[in-house]
Amino acid sequence: MSAPDGNPVGAERSIGQLFASATTEMSALVHDEIALAKAQLKQDVKRGAVGGGAFAAAGAVLIFSLPMLSFALAYGIRTWSDWNLAVCFLLSFAANVLVAGLLALIGVVFAKKAKKGKGPQKTAASVKETAAVLQNVKPHPRQLNGADRVGESVEAVARSSS
């Protein structure tokens, strides 16, 4: 079994190798968190665009369909019911307002979903948490080999004699 850098697991690695490995992993983590934030922003923007499109569709339906649909529906009701033509036009108008209201409701639902989207805030909190953990990390004490012990002894003697 080997580590991602190709060295066998449990093999001693130098400080430089450890630092290079940590730097590579931190870089990958930062890149992944940035990609996650971008993906979440795209999703929130898409929801907002759908909501805005639904509002625009509601307005277009209300404005452009009222004359044609009102006349067609009113004359259709008149043909089937023999009611007064004014009542038929009022029923036609009420039907168009109902359709526009439903489209506006869809727009409100999507706008609220886009507003509630907290994708970037979650990612920012994750980045802050990672930074806080890294600031509190303390290096592990190194085990001294024979040559280091001799150097340490020489330094201790030099300090005590001065």
Protein backbone atom coordinates (compact mmCIF):
# COMPACT_ATOMS: atom_id res chain seq x y z
CA MET A 1 0.00 0.00 0.00
CA SER A 2 1.32 3.45 -0.82
CA ALA A 3 0.44 7.05 -0.07
CA PRO A 4 -0.89 9.39 -2.81
CA ASP A 5 2.64 10.64 -3.47
CA GLY A 6 3.89 7.11 -4.21
CA ASN A 7 5.84 6.56 -0.98
CA PRO A 8 5.00 3.45 1.05
CA VAL A 9 2.62 4.03 3.95
CA GLY A 10 4.53 4.37 7.20
CA ALA A 11 7.75 5.41 5.45
CA GLU A 12 9.45 8.43 6.94
CA ARG A 13 9.06 11.52 4.78
CA SER A 14 11.16 14.63 4.99
CA ILE A 15 9.80 17.97 6.21
CA GLY A 16 9.95 19.26 2.64
CA GLN A 17 7.87 16.35 1.37
CA LEU A 18 5.33 16.83 4.15
CA PHE A 19 5.15 20.57 3.47
CA ALA A 20 4.76 19.99 -0.28
CA SER A 21 2.03 17.43 0.36
CA ALA A 22 0.19 19.76 2.76
CA THR A 23 0.47 22.68 0.32
CA THR A 24 -0.89 20.57 -2.54
CA GLU A 25 -3.80 19.33 -0.44
CA MET A 26 -4.64 22.85 0.80
CA SER A 27 -4.53 24.16 -2.75
CA ALA A 28 -6.89 21.40 -3.88
CA LEU A 29 -9.21 22.13 -0.96
CA VAL A 30 -9.36 25.85 -1.78
CA HIS A 31 -10.00 25.12 -5.46
CA ASP A 32 -12.78 22.67 -4.58
CA GLU A 33 -14.43 25.15 -2.21
CA ILE A 34 -14.31 27.87 -4.89
CA ALA A 35 -15.87 25.48 -7.41
CA LEU A 36 -18.59 24.62 -4.89
CA ALA A 37 -19.35 28.30 -4.28
CA LYS A 38 -19.61 28.91 -8.04
CA ALA A 39 -21.98 25.98 -8.48
CA GLN A 40 -24.19 27.17 -5.63
CA LEU A 41 -24.27 30.72 -7.02
CA LYS A 42 -25.27 29.39 -10.45
CA GLN A 43 -28.15 27.49 -8.87
CA ASP A 44 -29.37 30.56 -6.98
CA VAL A 45 -29.12 32.76 -10.10
CA LYS A 46 -31.02 30.15 -12.11
CA ARG A 47 -33.84 30.08 -9.55
CA GLY A 48 -34.00 33.87 -9.61
CA ALA A 49 -34.12 33.88 -13.41
CA VAL A 50 -36.97 31.34 -13.43
CA GLY A 51 -38.89 33.49 -10.93
CA GLY A 52 -38.31 36.62 -12.99
CA GLY A 53 -39.36 34.79 -16.14
CA ALA A 54 -42.56 33.66 -14.45
CA PHE A 55 -43.33 37.25 -13.45
CA ALA A 56 -42.68 38.40 -17.00
CA ALA A 57 -44.93 35.65 -18.37
CA ALA A 58 -47.67 36.67 -15.96
CA GLY A 59 -47.46 40.25 -17.18
CA ALA A 60 -47.42 39.21 -20.82
CA VAL A 61 -50.45 36.96 -20.37
CA LEU A 62 -52.37 39.68 -18.61
CA ILE A 63 -51.56 42.37 -21.16
CA PHE A 64 -51.58 40.58 -24.49
CA SER A 65 -54.23 37.94 -23.98
CA LEU A 66 -56.91 40.03 -22.39
CA PRO A 67 -58.37 41.55 -25.55
CA MET A 68 -58.42 38.41 -27.67
CA LEU A 69 -59.28 35.96 -24.93
CA SER A 70 -61.85 38.23 -23.41
CA PHE A 71 -63.74 38.63 -26.65
CA ALA A 72 -63.56 34.94 -27.53
CA LEU A 73 -64.57 33.76 -24.08
CA ALA A 74 -67.33 36.33 -23.68
CA TYR A 75 -68.92 35.47 -27.00
CA GLY A 76 -68.53 31.75 -26.22
CA ILE A 77 -70.31 32.14 -22.88
CA ARG A 78 -73.01 34.21 -24.57
CA THR A 79 -73.53 31.49 -27.18
CA TRP A 80 -73.87 28.71 -24.59
CA SER A 81 -75.85 30.52 -21.89
CA ASP A 82 -77.86 33.36 -23.42
CA TRP A 83 -76.71 35.64 -20.59
CA ASN A 84 -76.23 39.36 -20.92
CA LEU A 85 -73.07 40.18 -22.95
CA ALA A 86 -71.68 42.42 -20.15
CA VAL A 87 -71.79 39.52 -17.66
CA CYS A 88 -70.03 37.31 -20.18
CA PHE A 89 -67.22 39.87 -20.56
CA LEU A 90 -66.82 40.08 -16.77
CA LEU A 91 -66.50 36.29 -16.52
CA SER A 92 -63.93 36.35 -19.31
CA PHE A 93 -61.90 39.01 -17.50
CA ALA A 94 -62.05 37.03 -14.21
CA ALA A 95 -60.66 33.95 -15.96
CA ASN A 96 -57.71 35.94 -17.36
CA VAL A 97 -56.95 37.49 -13.97
CA LEU A 98 -57.01 34.00 -12.42
CA VAL A 99 -54.40 32.72 -14.92
CA ALA A 100 -52.19 35.77 -14.33
CA GLY A 101 -52.52 35.28 -10.56
CA LEU A 102 -51.37 31.67 -10.82
CA LEU A 103 -48.32 32.69 -12.87
CA ALA A 104 -47.50 35.44 -10.36
CA LEU A 105 -47.76 32.89 -7.53
CA ILE A 106 -45.27 30.65 -9.32
CA GLY A 107 -42.96 33.66 -9.67
CA VAL A 108 -43.21 34.41 -5.94
CA VAL A 109 -42.39 30.81 -5.02
CA PHE A 110 -39.27 30.74 -7.20
CA ALA A 111 -38.17 34.19 -6.01
CA LYS A 112 -38.39 33.04 -2.38
CA LYS A 113 -36.36 29.92 -3.18
CA ALA A 114 -33.69 32.05 -4.83
CA LYS A 115 -33.63 34.44 -1.87
CA LYS A 116 -33.32 31.57 0.64
CA GLY A 117 -30.38 30.06 -1.25
CA LYS A 118 -27.45 30.18 1.15
CA GLY A 119 -24.94 28.26 -0.91
CA PRO A 120 -22.09 30.79 -0.79
CA GLN A 121 -22.67 31.49 2.90
CA LYS A 122 -22.28 27.78 3.70
CA THR A 123 -19.09 27.59 1.68
CA ALA A 124 -17.71 30.76 3.30
CA ALA A 125 -18.40 29.27 6.73
CA SER A 126 -16.58 26.10 5.69
CA VAL A 127 -13.57 28.12 4.52
CA LYS A 128 -13.50 30.04 7.81
CA GLU A 129 -13.71 26.80 9.75
CA THR A 130 -10.82 25.33 7.77
CA ALA A 131 -8.73 28.47 8.35
CA ALA A 132 -9.50 28.38 12.09
CA VAL A 133 -8.43 24.76 12.32
CA LEU A 134 -5.20 25.48 10.45
CA GLN A 135 -4.38 28.43 12.70
CA ASN A 136 -4.65 26.26 15.81
CA VAL A 137 -2.48 23.45 14.46
CA LYS A 138 0.77 22.96 16.33
CA PRO A 139 3.62 20.91 14.87
CA HIS A 140 4.30 17.53 16.40
CA PRO A 141 7.57 17.36 18.35
CA ARG A 142 10.28 15.68 16.30
CA GLN A 143 12.01 12.65 17.61
CA LEU A 144 15.70 13.38 17.91
CA ASN A 145 18.14 10.97 16.34
CA GLY A 146 21.73 10.52 17.60
CA ALA A 147 23.26 13.42 15.60
CA ASP A 148 20.56 15.83 16.75
CA ARG A 149 21.08 14.85 20.39
CA VAL A 150 24.78 15.61 20.10
CA GLY A 151 23.99 19.02 18.57
CA GLU A 152 21.45 19.70 21.32
CA SER A 153 23.98 18.74 24.00
CA VAL A 154 26.60 21.04 22.50
CA GLU A 155 24.12 23.93 22.46
CA ALA A 156 23.12 23.27 26.08
CA VAL A 157 26.77 23.25 27.20
CA ALA A 158 27.46 26.45 25.23
CA ARG A 159 24.53 28.22 26.89
CA SER A 160 25.47 27.14 30.36
CA SER A 161 29.11 28.19 30.00
CA SER A 162 28.35 31.68 28.79
